[in-house]
Amino acid sequence: MGSATADDAGVYLLNSETALVQTLDFFTPICDDAYLFGQIAAANSLSDVYAMGGRPITAMAIAGMPDTILSTDEIQAIFRGGADMVKLAGCSLVGGHTIKNPEPIYGLSATGVVHPDRYTANAHAKAGDVLILTKPLGTGIISTAIKNGKCSDELNDLAVKSMITLNTPGADLAEQDLVNACTDVTGFGLLGHLKEICASSEVTAELDCSKIPAISDDVHRLISDGIVPGGTKKNLSTVLPHVQVNDVSQEMQLLLADAQTSGGLLISVPQENVPSVLQILQEHDSLCAVEIGRILDKQDAYISLN
């Protein structure tokens, strides 16, 4: 599988029963707690395997660490957080590579396996599918609020819980052949990643914005107060030419474009499979399992907001 459809990971055919899913991701600290940073970065990296319907089997750590800013204990905590998340995923940490770097970076190169006929590529969405979201939105807004001293401990805890929750249902859903397409909602926001699905599948998505959840009502308040990261604003301006907005507020548009870290799965599901998909998500204790829209035949805009 090539890169033309902007999928979350590469898929390499081994034989008629098995394909490899390969991905790599890393970033600078998203929080002050070193152990949590390791957990979040690892969950974010593994997410791309799950988004393709794969089951992670091995991971290698990628790190750049300053030798003057962080203590040895802090560096060890980052690696321990990542290793614990890999273990939670039932995956094996088989090595890695570390260099000196002016600021900390950490992530994983992850490999998974998937049946060649069941990987959930962006290009597989079909008209009539239902769109389901598995995590509420707002981690980008909350991260900016933390930097500005505008975030409560309770809101911070909700964001952390979301970011360290693994997207494991992606593998089960693919193995049971229940979904057509899937992506995880990360740096381009829900709108940006949905646009990739629509462009690759040559369809249009219609969203019911009243059903799209934020991590907390406080996220809407923060947006109203102007606590919005530059990346989220850029996401919105980039995707708007492909969106029919209708009567949807600027606040909601920004939430839909919010750049997520370790966000949830956005799944395109055949109508008849929706009950089974919702049941599996509930069994996995997904943070949410919400029907937020549907896939239509291609129209002038890739996305319609209602």
C-alpha atoms as a PDB file:
ATOM      1  CA  MET A   1       0.000   0.000   0.000  1.00  0.00           C
ATOM      2  CA  GLY A   2       1.428   3.395  -0.978  1.00  0.00           C
ATOM      3  CA  SER A   3       1.129   6.857   0.553  1.00  0.00           C
ATOM      4  CA  ALA A   4      -1.437   8.367  -1.839  1.00  0.00           C
ATOM      5  CA  THR A   5      -4.366   7.952   0.568  1.00  0.00           C
ATOM      6  CA  ALA A   6      -2.628   9.531   3.610  1.00  0.00           C
ATOM      7  CA  ASP A   7      -3.216   6.469   5.773  1.00  0.00           C
ATOM      8  CA  ASP A   8      -2.047   6.183   9.360  1.00  0.00           C
ATOM      9  CA  ALA A   9       0.560   3.476   8.693  1.00  0.00           C
ATOM     10  CA  GLY A  10       2.146   1.445   5.929  1.00  0.00           C
ATOM     11  CA  VAL A  11       0.821  -2.034   5.114  1.00  0.00           C
ATOM     12  CA  TYR A  12       3.205  -4.594   3.616  1.00  0.00           C
ATOM     13  CA  LEU A  13       1.902  -7.911   2.283  1.00  0.00           C
ATOM     14  CA  LEU A  14       3.763 -10.969   3.587  1.00  0.00           C
ATOM     15  CA  ASN A  15       1.431 -13.711   2.360  1.00  0.00           C
ATOM     16  CA  SER A  16      -2.252 -14.366   1.745  1.00  0.00           C
ATOM     17  CA  GLU A  17      -2.993 -14.425   5.495  1.00  0.00           C
ATOM     18  CA  THR A  18      -0.710 -11.773   6.970  1.00  0.00           C
ATOM     19  CA  ALA A  19       0.365  -8.210   6.288  1.00  0.00           C
ATOM     20  CA  LEU A  20       2.670  -6.030   8.379  1.00  0.00           C
ATOM     21  CA  VAL A  21       1.460  -2.662   9.657  1.00  0.00           C
ATOM     22  CA  GLN A  22       4.361  -0.285  10.260  1.00  0.00           C
ATOM     23  CA  THR A  23       4.410   3.201  11.750  1.00  0.00           C
ATOM     24  CA  LEU A  24       6.649   5.684  13.554  1.00  0.00           C
ATOM     25  CA  ASP A  25       5.750   8.664  15.722  1.00  0.00           C
ATOM     26  CA  PHE A  26       7.412  10.848  18.351  1.00  0.00           C
ATOM     27  CA  PHE A  27       7.035  14.326  19.835  1.00  0.00           C
ATOM     28  CA  THR A  28       8.237  16.726  22.508  1.00  0.00           C
ATOM     29  CA  PRO A  29       6.718  16.669  26.036  1.00  0.00           C
ATOM     30  CA  ILE A  30       2.990  17.324  26.255  1.00  0.00           C
ATOM     31  CA  CYS A  31       2.996  17.410  30.072  1.00  0.00           C
ATOM     32  CA  ASP A  32       5.417  18.036  32.947  1.00  0.00           C
ATOM     33  CA  ASP A  33       5.223  14.517  34.374  1.00  0.00           C
ATOM     34  CA  ALA A  34       7.969  12.413  32.754  1.00  0.00           C
ATOM     35  CA  TYR A  35       6.241   9.053  33.254  1.00  0.00           C
ATOM     36  CA  LEU A  36       2.964  10.348  31.809  1.00  0.00           C
ATOM     37  CA  PHE A  37       4.816  11.822  28.839  1.00  0.00           C
ATOM     38  CA  GLY A  38       6.214   8.362  28.078  1.00  0.00           C
ATOM     39  CA  GLN A  39       2.779   6.789  28.399  1.00  0.00           C
ATOM     40  CA  ILE A  40       1.083   9.349  26.151  1.00  0.00           C
ATOM     41  CA  ALA A  41       3.766   9.255  23.471  1.00  0.00           C
ATOM     42  CA  ALA A  42       3.680   5.453  23.360  1.00  0.00           C
ATOM     43  CA  ALA A  43      -0.129   5.304  23.209  1.00  0.00           C
ATOM     44  CA  ASN A  44      -0.079   7.860  20.417  1.00  0.00           C
ATOM     45  CA  SER A  45       2.453   5.801  18.433  1.00  0.00           C
ATOM     46  CA  LEU A  46       0.596   2.511  18.876  1.00  0.00           C
ATOM     47  CA  SER A  47      -2.661   4.174  17.846  1.00  0.00           C
ATOM     48  CA  ASP A  48      -1.702   4.238  14.170  1.00  0.00           C
ATOM     49  CA  VAL A  49      -1.438   0.432  14.153  1.00  0.00           C
ATOM     50  CA  TYR A  50      -4.884   0.104  15.721  1.00  0.00           C
ATOM     51  CA  ALA A  51      -6.315   2.651  13.274  1.00  0.00           C
ATOM     52  CA  MET A  52      -5.294   0.381  10.408  1.00  0.00           C
ATOM     53  CA  GLY A  53      -7.003  -2.578  12.095  1.00  0.00           C
ATOM     54  CA  GLY A  54      -3.673  -4.060  13.116  1.00  0.00           C
ATOM     55  CA  ARG A  55      -2.586  -5.656  16.371  1.00  0.00           C
ATOM     56  CA  PRO A  56       0.803  -4.372  17.609  1.00  0.00           C
ATOM     57  CA  ILE A  57       3.438  -7.065  18.095  1.00  0.00           C
ATOM     58  CA  THR A  58       6.761  -5.208  18.436  1.00  0.00           C
ATOM     59  CA  ALA A  59       7.929  -1.673  19.181  1.00  0.00           C
ATOM     60  CA  MET A  60      11.254   0.152  19.310  1.00  0.00           C
ATOM     61  CA  ALA A  61      11.806   3.323  21.287  1.00  0.00           C
ATOM     62  CA  ILE A  62      12.993   6.505  19.573  1.00  0.00           C
ATOM     63  CA  ALA A  63      14.394   9.202  21.844  1.00  0.00           C
ATOM     64  CA  GLY A  64      16.418  12.371  21.852  1.00  0.00           C
ATOM     65  CA  MET A  65      17.364  13.526  25.336  1.00  0.00           C
ATOM     66  CA  PRO A  66      19.244  16.578  26.642  1.00  0.00           C
ATOM     67  CA  ASP A  67      21.971  15.776  29.152  1.00  0.00           C
ATOM     68  CA  THR A  68      21.587  19.087  31.009  1.00  0.00           C
ATOM     69  CA  ILE A  69      17.825  19.729  31.318  1.00  0.00           C
ATOM     70  CA  LEU A  70      16.534  16.360  32.504  1.00  0.00           C
ATOM     71  CA  SER A  71      17.834  14.226  35.346  1.00  0.00           C
ATOM     72  CA  THR A  72      18.638  10.565  34.893  1.00  0.00           C
ATOM     73  CA  ASP A  73      15.558   9.697  36.952  1.00  0.00           C
ATOM     74  CA  GLU A  74      13.314  11.767  34.653  1.00  0.00           C
ATOM     75  CA  ILE A  75      14.739  10.161  31.527  1.00  0.00           C
ATOM     76  CA  GLN A  76      14.246   6.717  33.032  1.00  0.00           C
ATOM     77  CA  ALA A  77      10.658   7.642  33.926  1.00  0.00           C
ATOM     78  CA  ILE A  78       9.911   8.553  30.296  1.00  0.00           C
ATOM     79  CA  PHE A  79      11.183   5.199  29.094  1.00  0.00           C
ATOM     80  CA  ARG A  80       9.360   3.364  31.881  1.00  0.00           C
ATOM     81  CA  GLY A  81       6.073   5.051  30.963  1.00  0.00           C
ATOM     82  CA  GLY A  82       6.493   4.043  27.342  1.00  0.00           C
ATOM     83  CA  ALA A  83       7.472   0.485  28.231  1.00  0.00           C
ATOM     84  CA  ASP A  84       4.469   0.067  30.527  1.00  0.00           C
ATOM     85  CA  MET A  85       2.132   1.236  27.764  1.00  0.00           C
ATOM     86  CA  VAL A  86       3.712  -1.183  25.282  1.00  0.00           C
ATOM     87  CA  LYS A  87       3.225  -4.002  27.798  1.00  0.00           C
ATOM     88  CA  LEU A  88      -0.410  -2.986  28.308  1.00  0.00           C
ATOM     89  CA  ALA A  89      -0.909  -3.312  24.538  1.00  0.00           C
ATOM     90  CA  GLY A  90       0.391  -6.899  24.643  1.00  0.00           C
ATOM     91  CA  CYS A  91       3.303  -5.772  22.507  1.00  0.00           C
ATOM     92  CA  SER A  92       7.042  -6.518  22.909  1.00  0.00           C
ATOM     93  CA  LEU A  93       9.580  -3.710  23.295  1.00  0.00           C
ATOM     94  CA  VAL A  94      12.529  -5.068  21.306  1.00  0.00           C
ATOM     95  CA  GLY A  95      15.009  -2.192  21.340  1.00  0.00           C
ATOM     96  CA  GLY A  96      15.414   1.368  20.200  1.00  0.00           C
ATOM     97  CA  HIS A  97      17.847   4.217  19.686  1.00  0.00           C
ATOM     98  CA  THR A  98      18.655   7.340  21.677  1.00  0.00           C
ATOM     99  CA  ILE A  99      20.628  10.461  20.792  1.00  0.00           C
ATOM    100  CA  LYS A 100      21.460  13.700  22.565  1.00  0.00           C
ATOM    101  CA  ASN A 101      19.038  16.472  21.625  1.00  0.00           C
ATOM    102  CA  PRO A 102      18.494  20.045  22.872  1.00  0.00           C
ATOM    103  CA  GLU A 103      14.927  19.183  23.957  1.00  0.00           C
ATOM    104  CA  PRO A 104      13.347  15.845  24.850  1.00  0.00           C
ATOM    105  CA  ILE A 105      11.666  13.807  22.140  1.00  0.00           C
ATOM    106  CA  TYR A 106      10.219  10.349  22.608  1.00  0.00           C
ATOM    107  CA  GLY A 107       8.073   7.903  20.669  1.00  0.00           C
ATOM    108  CA  LEU A 108       7.956   4.478  19.094  1.00  0.00           C
ATOM    109  CA  SER A 109       8.458   2.693  15.839  1.00  0.00           C
ATOM    110  CA  ALA A 110       5.686   0.088  16.016  1.00  0.00           C
ATOM    111  CA  THR A 111       4.926  -2.997  13.953  1.00  0.00           C
ATOM    112  CA  GLY A 112       1.628  -4.874  13.899  1.00  0.00           C
ATOM    113  CA  VAL A 113      -0.091  -7.568  11.905  1.00  0.00           C
ATOM    114  CA  VAL A 114      -3.404  -7.554  10.066  1.00  0.00           C
ATOM    115  CA  HIS A 115      -5.190  -9.798   7.573  1.00  0.00           C
ATOM    116  CA  PRO A 116      -4.566  -8.368   4.078  1.00  0.00           C
ATOM    117  CA  ASP A 117      -8.304  -8.304   3.329  1.00  0.00           C
ATOM    118  CA  ARG A 118      -9.284  -6.553   6.555  1.00  0.00           C
ATOM    119  CA  TYR A 119      -7.010  -3.561   7.065  1.00  0.00           C
ATOM    120  CA  THR A 120      -9.047  -0.402   7.533  1.00  0.00           C
ATOM    121  CA  ALA A 121      -7.669   2.066   5.009  1.00  0.00           C
ATOM    122  CA  ASN A 122      -8.901   5.617   4.448  1.00  0.00           C
ATOM    123  CA  ALA A 123     -10.048   4.721   0.935  1.00  0.00           C
ATOM    124  CA  HIS A 124     -12.546   2.065   2.052  1.00  0.00           C
ATOM    125  CA  ALA A 125     -15.446   4.240   3.305  1.00  0.00           C
ATOM    126  CA  LYS A 126     -18.750   3.730   1.474  1.00  0.00           C
ATOM    127  CA  ALA A 127     -21.943   5.732   1.064  1.00  0.00           C
ATOM    128  CA  GLY A 128     -24.448   4.616   3.701  1.00  0.00           C
ATOM    129  CA  ASP A 129     -21.804   4.069   6.391  1.00  0.00           C
ATOM    130  CA  VAL A 130     -22.285   5.497   9.882  1.00  0.00           C
ATOM    131  CA  LEU A 131     -19.452   7.508  11.453  1.00  0.00           C
ATOM    132  CA  ILE A 132     -18.570   6.591  15.039  1.00  0.00           C
ATOM    133  CA  LEU A 133     -16.132   8.424  17.346  1.00  0.00           C
ATOM    134  CA  THR A 134     -14.444   6.690  20.320  1.00  0.00           C
ATOM    135  CA  LYS A 135     -12.926   9.599  22.287  1.00  0.00           C
ATOM    136  CA  PRO A 136     -14.220  13.101  23.007  1.00  0.00           C
ATOM    137  CA  LEU A 137     -12.346  16.108  21.598  1.00  0.00           C
ATOM    138  CA  GLY A 138     -10.341  18.862  23.229  1.00  0.00           C
ATOM    139  CA  THR A 139      -6.817  17.765  24.216  1.00  0.00           C
ATOM    140  CA  GLY A 140      -5.221  20.526  22.145  1.00  0.00           C
ATOM    141  CA  ILE A 141      -7.384  23.192  23.780  1.00  0.00           C
ATOM    142  CA  ILE A 142      -6.663  21.775  27.234  1.00  0.00           C
ATOM    143  CA  SER A 143      -2.905  21.617  26.615  1.00  0.00           C
ATOM    144  CA  THR A 144      -2.951  25.301  25.686  1.00  0.00           C
ATOM    145  CA  ALA A 145      -4.977  26.085  28.802  1.00  0.00           C
ATOM    146  CA  ILE A 146      -2.368  24.303  30.929  1.00  0.00           C
ATOM    147  CA  LYS A 147       0.414  26.402  29.400  1.00  0.00           C
ATOM    148  CA  ASN A 148      -1.588  29.553  30.159  1.00  0.00           C
ATOM    149  CA  GLY A 149      -2.438  28.561  33.720  1.00  0.00           C
ATOM    150  CA  LYS A 150      -6.144  28.326  32.834  1.00  0.00           C
ATOM    151  CA  CYS A 151      -6.730  24.606  33.403  1.00  0.00           C
ATOM    152  CA  SER A 152      -8.177  22.993  36.523  1.00  0.00           C
ATOM    153  CA  ASP A 153      -6.672  19.802  37.936  1.00  0.00           C
ATOM    154  CA  GLU A 154      -9.912  17.982  37.140  1.00  0.00           C
ATOM    155  CA  LEU A 155      -9.820  18.999  33.471  1.00  0.00           C
ATOM    156  CA  ASN A 156      -6.145  18.070  33.238  1.00  0.00           C
ATOM    157  CA  ASP A 157      -6.917  14.613  34.657  1.00  0.00           C
ATOM    158  CA  LEU A 158      -9.677  14.081  32.087  1.00  0.00           C
ATOM    159  CA  ALA A 159      -7.301  14.962  29.252  1.00  0.00           C
ATOM    160  CA  VAL A 160      -4.609  12.633  30.588  1.00  0.00           C
ATOM    161  CA  LYS A 161      -7.112   9.777  30.921  1.00  0.00           C
ATOM    162  CA  SER A 162      -8.074  10.264  27.283  1.00  0.00           C
ATOM    163  CA  MET A 163      -4.499  10.408  26.008  1.00  0.00           C
ATOM    164  CA  ILE A 164      -3.334   7.245  27.817  1.00  0.00           C
ATOM    165  CA  THR A 165      -6.341   5.203  26.702  1.00  0.00           C
ATOM    166  CA  LEU A 166      -5.251   2.747  23.997  1.00  0.00           C
ATOM    167  CA  ASN A 167      -7.287   2.411  20.802  1.00  0.00           C
ATOM    168  CA  THR A 168      -7.304  -1.383  21.082  1.00  0.00           C
ATOM    169  CA  PRO A 169     -10.864  -1.823  19.675  1.00  0.00           C
ATOM    170  CA  GLY A 170      -9.481  -1.063  16.214  1.00  0.00           C
ATOM    171  CA  ALA A 171      -7.886  -4.512  16.009  1.00  0.00           C
ATOM    172  CA  ASP A 172     -10.980  -6.391  17.197  1.00  0.00           C
ATOM    173  CA  LEU A 173     -13.264  -4.523  14.806  1.00  0.00           C
ATOM    174  CA  ALA A 174     -11.022  -5.315  11.841  1.00  0.00           C
ATOM    175  CA  GLU A 175     -10.558  -8.961  12.792  1.00  0.00           C
ATOM    176  CA  GLN A 176     -14.351  -9.372  12.891  1.00  0.00           C
ATOM    177  CA  ASP A 177     -14.662  -7.523   9.552  1.00  0.00           C
ATOM    178  CA  LEU A 178     -17.145  -5.024  10.991  1.00  0.00           C
ATOM    179  CA  VAL A 179     -15.864  -1.700   9.615  1.00  0.00           C
ATOM    180  CA  ASN A 180     -14.943  -0.253   6.241  1.00  0.00           C
ATOM    181  CA  ALA A 181     -12.549   2.569   7.109  1.00  0.00           C
ATOM    182  CA  CYS A 182     -10.866   3.957  10.191  1.00  0.00           C
ATOM    183  CA  THR A 183      -8.423   6.655  11.250  1.00  0.00           C
ATOM    184  CA  ASP A 184      -7.295   8.079  14.550  1.00  0.00           C
ATOM    185  CA  VAL A 185      -7.992  11.728  15.280  1.00  0.00           C
ATOM    186  CA  THR A 186      -4.634  13.366  15.926  1.00  0.00           C
ATOM    187  CA  GLY A 187      -2.725  16.396  14.655  1.00  0.00           C
ATOM    188  CA  PHE A 188      -5.070  17.476  11.861  1.00  0.00           C
ATOM    189  CA  GLY A 189      -8.159  17.360  14.062  1.00  0.00           C
ATOM    190  CA  LEU A 190     -11.388  15.503  13.351  1.00  0.00           C
ATOM    191  CA  LEU A 191     -12.140  17.575  10.241  1.00  0.00           C
ATOM    192  CA  GLY A 192      -8.689  17.149   8.757  1.00  0.00           C
ATOM    193  CA  HIS A 193      -8.580  13.395   9.206  1.00  0.00           C
ATOM    194  CA  LEU A 194     -12.176  12.977   8.044  1.00  0.00           C
ATOM    195  CA  LYS A 195     -11.347  14.981   4.929  1.00  0.00           C
ATOM    196  CA  GLU A 196      -8.561  12.472   4.180  1.00  0.00           C
ATOM    197  CA  ILE A 197     -11.085   9.618   4.387  1.00  0.00           C
ATOM    198  CA  CYS A 198     -13.537  11.432   2.130  1.00  0.00           C
ATOM    199  CA  ALA A 199     -10.948  12.405  -0.471  1.00  0.00           C
ATOM    200  CA  SER A 200      -9.461   8.905  -0.598  1.00  0.00           C
ATOM    201  CA  SER A 201     -12.867   7.198  -0.741  1.00  0.00           C
ATOM    202  CA  GLU A 202     -14.432   9.795  -3.094  1.00  0.00           C
ATOM    203  CA  VAL A 203     -17.389  10.364  -0.774  1.00  0.00           C
ATOM    204  CA  THR A 204     -18.871  13.145   1.367  1.00  0.00           C
ATOM    205  CA  ALA A 205     -19.370  13.043   5.139  1.00  0.00           C
ATOM    206  CA  GLU A 206     -22.301  14.693   6.917  1.00  0.00           C
ATOM    207  CA  LEU A 207     -21.696  15.454  10.607  1.00  0.00           C
ATOM    208  CA  ASP A 208     -24.308  16.096  13.287  1.00  0.00           C
ATOM    209  CA  CYS A 209     -22.352  18.579  15.408  1.00  0.00           C
ATOM    210  CA  SER A 210     -24.842  18.347  18.290  1.00  0.00           C
ATOM    211  CA  LYS A 211     -23.661  14.765  18.885  1.00  0.00           C
ATOM    212  CA  ILE A 212     -19.912  15.421  18.874  1.00  0.00           C
ATOM    213  CA  PRO A 213     -18.608  15.360  22.466  1.00  0.00           C
ATOM    214  CA  ALA A 214     -15.928  17.490  24.115  1.00  0.00           C
ATOM    215  CA  ILE A 215     -13.889  16.140  27.014  1.00  0.00           C
ATOM    216  CA  SER A 216     -15.740  18.600  29.263  1.00  0.00           C
ATOM    217  CA  ASP A 217     -18.049  21.578  28.926  1.00  0.00           C
ATOM    218  CA  ASP A 218     -15.032  23.571  30.111  1.00  0.00           C
ATOM    219  CA  VAL A 219     -13.464  23.012  26.679  1.00  0.00           C
ATOM    220  CA  HIS A 220     -16.205  25.113  25.081  1.00  0.00           C
ATOM    221  CA  ARG A 221     -15.638  27.808  27.710  1.00  0.00           C
ATOM    222  CA  LEU A 222     -11.914  27.854  26.975  1.00  0.00           C
ATOM    223  CA  ILE A 223     -12.550  28.251  23.251  1.00  0.00           C
ATOM    224  CA  SER A 224     -14.929  31.139  23.977  1.00  0.00           C
ATOM    225  CA  ASP A 225     -12.155  32.720  26.075  1.00  0.00           C
ATOM    226  CA  GLY A 226      -9.725  32.486  23.155  1.00  0.00           C
ATOM    227  CA  ILE A 227      -7.658  29.601  24.550  1.00  0.00           C
ATOM    228  CA  VAL A 228      -7.010  27.956  21.193  1.00  0.00           C
ATOM    229  CA  PRO A 229      -3.643  26.637  19.936  1.00  0.00           C
ATOM    230  CA  GLY A 230      -2.197  27.981  16.699  1.00  0.00           C
ATOM    231  CA  GLY A 231      -2.186  24.473  15.213  1.00  0.00           C
ATOM    232  CA  THR A 232      -5.935  24.190  15.680  1.00  0.00           C
ATOM    233  CA  LYS A 233      -6.528  27.536  13.956  1.00  0.00           C
ATOM    234  CA  LYS A 234      -4.284  26.459  11.077  1.00  0.00           C
ATOM    235  CA  ASN A 235      -6.125  23.133  10.809  1.00  0.00           C
ATOM    236  CA  LEU A 236      -9.434  24.952  10.446  1.00  0.00           C
ATOM    237  CA  SER A 237      -8.235  27.415   7.810  1.00  0.00           C
ATOM    238  CA  THR A 238      -6.703  24.555   5.816  1.00  0.00           C
ATOM    239  CA  VAL A 239      -9.798  22.345   5.784  1.00  0.00           C
ATOM    240  CA  LEU A 240     -12.541  25.007   5.471  1.00  0.00           C
ATOM    241  CA  PRO A 241     -12.366  25.198   1.638  1.00  0.00           C
ATOM    242  CA  HIS A 242     -13.545  21.563   1.636  1.00  0.00           C
ATOM    243  CA  VAL A 243     -16.352  22.046   4.200  1.00  0.00           C
ATOM    244  CA  GLN A 244     -19.952  23.207   3.884  1.00  0.00           C
ATOM    245  CA  VAL A 245     -20.383  24.864   7.274  1.00  0.00           C
ATOM    246  CA  ASN A 246     -24.139  25.630   7.313  1.00  0.00           C
ATOM    247  CA  ASP A 247     -25.298  27.055  10.672  1.00  0.00           C
ATOM    248  CA  VAL A 248     -22.440  25.852  12.905  1.00  0.00           C
ATOM    249  CA  SER A 249     -20.695  28.195  15.334  1.00  0.00           C
ATOM    250  CA  GLN A 250     -17.053  29.223  15.095  1.00  0.00           C
ATOM    251  CA  GLU A 251     -16.566  27.652  18.522  1.00  0.00           C
ATOM    252  CA  MET A 252     -17.745  24.265  17.279  1.00  0.00           C
ATOM    253  CA  GLN A 253     -15.648  24.554  14.124  1.00  0.00           C
ATOM    254  CA  LEU A 254     -12.550  25.104  16.251  1.00  0.00           C
ATOM    255  CA  LEU A 255     -13.375  22.075  18.407  1.00  0.00           C
ATOM    256  CA  LEU A 256     -13.738  19.934  15.278  1.00  0.00           C
ATOM    257  CA  ALA A 257     -10.349  21.165  14.032  1.00  0.00           C
ATOM    258  CA  ASP A 258      -8.591  20.863  17.400  1.00  0.00           C
ATOM    259  CA  ALA A 259      -5.221  19.136  17.080  1.00  0.00           C
ATOM    260  CA  GLN A 260      -5.474  16.020  19.255  1.00  0.00           C
ATOM    261  CA  THR A 261      -2.723  14.033  20.930  1.00  0.00           C
ATOM    262  CA  SER A 262      -3.465  10.307  21.149  1.00  0.00           C
ATOM    263  CA  GLY A 263      -7.037  10.948  20.034  1.00  0.00           C
ATOM    264  CA  GLY A 264      -9.791   8.436  19.451  1.00  0.00           C
ATOM    265  CA  LEU A 265     -10.773   6.364  16.451  1.00  0.00           C
ATOM    266  CA  LEU A 266     -13.069   7.740  13.771  1.00  0.00           C
ATOM    267  CA  ILE A 267     -14.744   4.717  12.206  1.00  0.00           C
ATOM    268  CA  SER A 268     -16.817   4.304   9.055  1.00  0.00           C
ATOM    269  CA  VAL A 269     -19.242   1.454   9.746  1.00  0.00           C
ATOM    270  CA  PRO A 270     -21.822  -0.266   7.536  1.00  0.00           C
ATOM    271  CA  GLN A 271     -25.270   0.468   8.970  1.00  0.00           C
ATOM    272  CA  GLU A 272     -26.014  -3.186   9.703  1.00  0.00           C
ATOM    273  CA  ASN A 273     -22.818  -3.536  11.783  1.00  0.00           C
ATOM    274  CA  VAL A 274     -23.397  -0.529  14.056  1.00  0.00           C
ATOM    275  CA  PRO A 275     -24.918  -2.505  16.996  1.00  0.00           C
ATOM    276  CA  SER A 276     -21.996  -4.959  17.009  1.00  0.00           C
ATOM    277  CA  VAL A 277     -19.434  -2.161  16.805  1.00  0.00           C
ATOM    278  CA  LEU A 278     -21.042  -0.230  19.662  1.00  0.00           C
ATOM    279  CA  GLN A 279     -21.126  -3.390  21.785  1.00  0.00           C
ATOM    280  CA  ILE A 280     -17.394  -4.042  21.229  1.00  0.00           C
ATOM    281  CA  LEU A 281     -16.545  -0.429  22.073  1.00  0.00           C
ATOM    282  CA  GLN A 282     -18.545  -0.695  25.281  1.00  0.00           C
ATOM    283  CA  GLU A 283     -16.802  -3.955  26.193  1.00  0.00           C
ATOM    284  CA  HIS A 284     -13.468  -2.151  25.786  1.00  0.00           C
ATOM    285  CA  ASP A 285     -14.664   0.689  28.050  1.00  0.00           C
ATOM    286  CA  SER A 286     -14.111   3.221  25.281  1.00  0.00           C
ATOM    287  CA  LEU A 287     -14.381   6.797  26.534  1.00  0.00           C
ATOM    288  CA  CYS A 288     -17.291   7.279  24.172  1.00  0.00           C
ATOM    289  CA  ALA A 289     -19.012   5.366  21.387  1.00  0.00           C
ATOM    290  CA  VAL A 290     -21.015   8.011  19.593  1.00  0.00           C
ATOM    291  CA  GLU A 291     -22.650   8.054  16.168  1.00  0.00           C
ATOM    292  CA  ILE A 292     -21.680  11.490  14.856  1.00  0.00           C
ATOM    293  CA  GLY A 293     -22.654  11.370  11.187  1.00  0.00           C
ATOM    294  CA  ARG A 294     -22.857   9.379   7.993  1.00  0.00           C
ATOM    295  CA  ILE A 295     -21.159   8.880   4.659  1.00  0.00           C
ATOM    296  CA  LEU A 296     -22.938  10.073   1.505  1.00  0.00           C
ATOM    297  CA  ASP A 297     -22.274   9.880  -2.210  1.00  0.00           C
ATOM    298  CA  LYS A 298     -19.729  12.494  -3.317  1.00  0.00           C
ATOM    299  CA  GLN A 299     -21.047  16.059  -3.342  1.00  0.00           C
ATOM    300  CA  ASP A 300     -19.403  19.425  -3.932  1.00  0.00           C
ATOM    301  CA  ALA A 301     -17.843  19.571  -0.440  1.00  0.00           C
ATOM    302  CA  TYR A 302     -16.056  16.698   1.280  1.00  0.00           C
ATOM    303  CA  ILE A 303     -17.723  17.482   4.628  1.00  0.00           C
ATOM    304  CA  SER A 304     -21.085  19.004   5.542  1.00  0.00           C
ATOM    305  CA  LEU A 305     -21.601  20.361   9.078  1.00  0.00           C
ATOM    306  CA  ASN A 306     -25.107  20.413  10.530  1.00  0.00           C
END
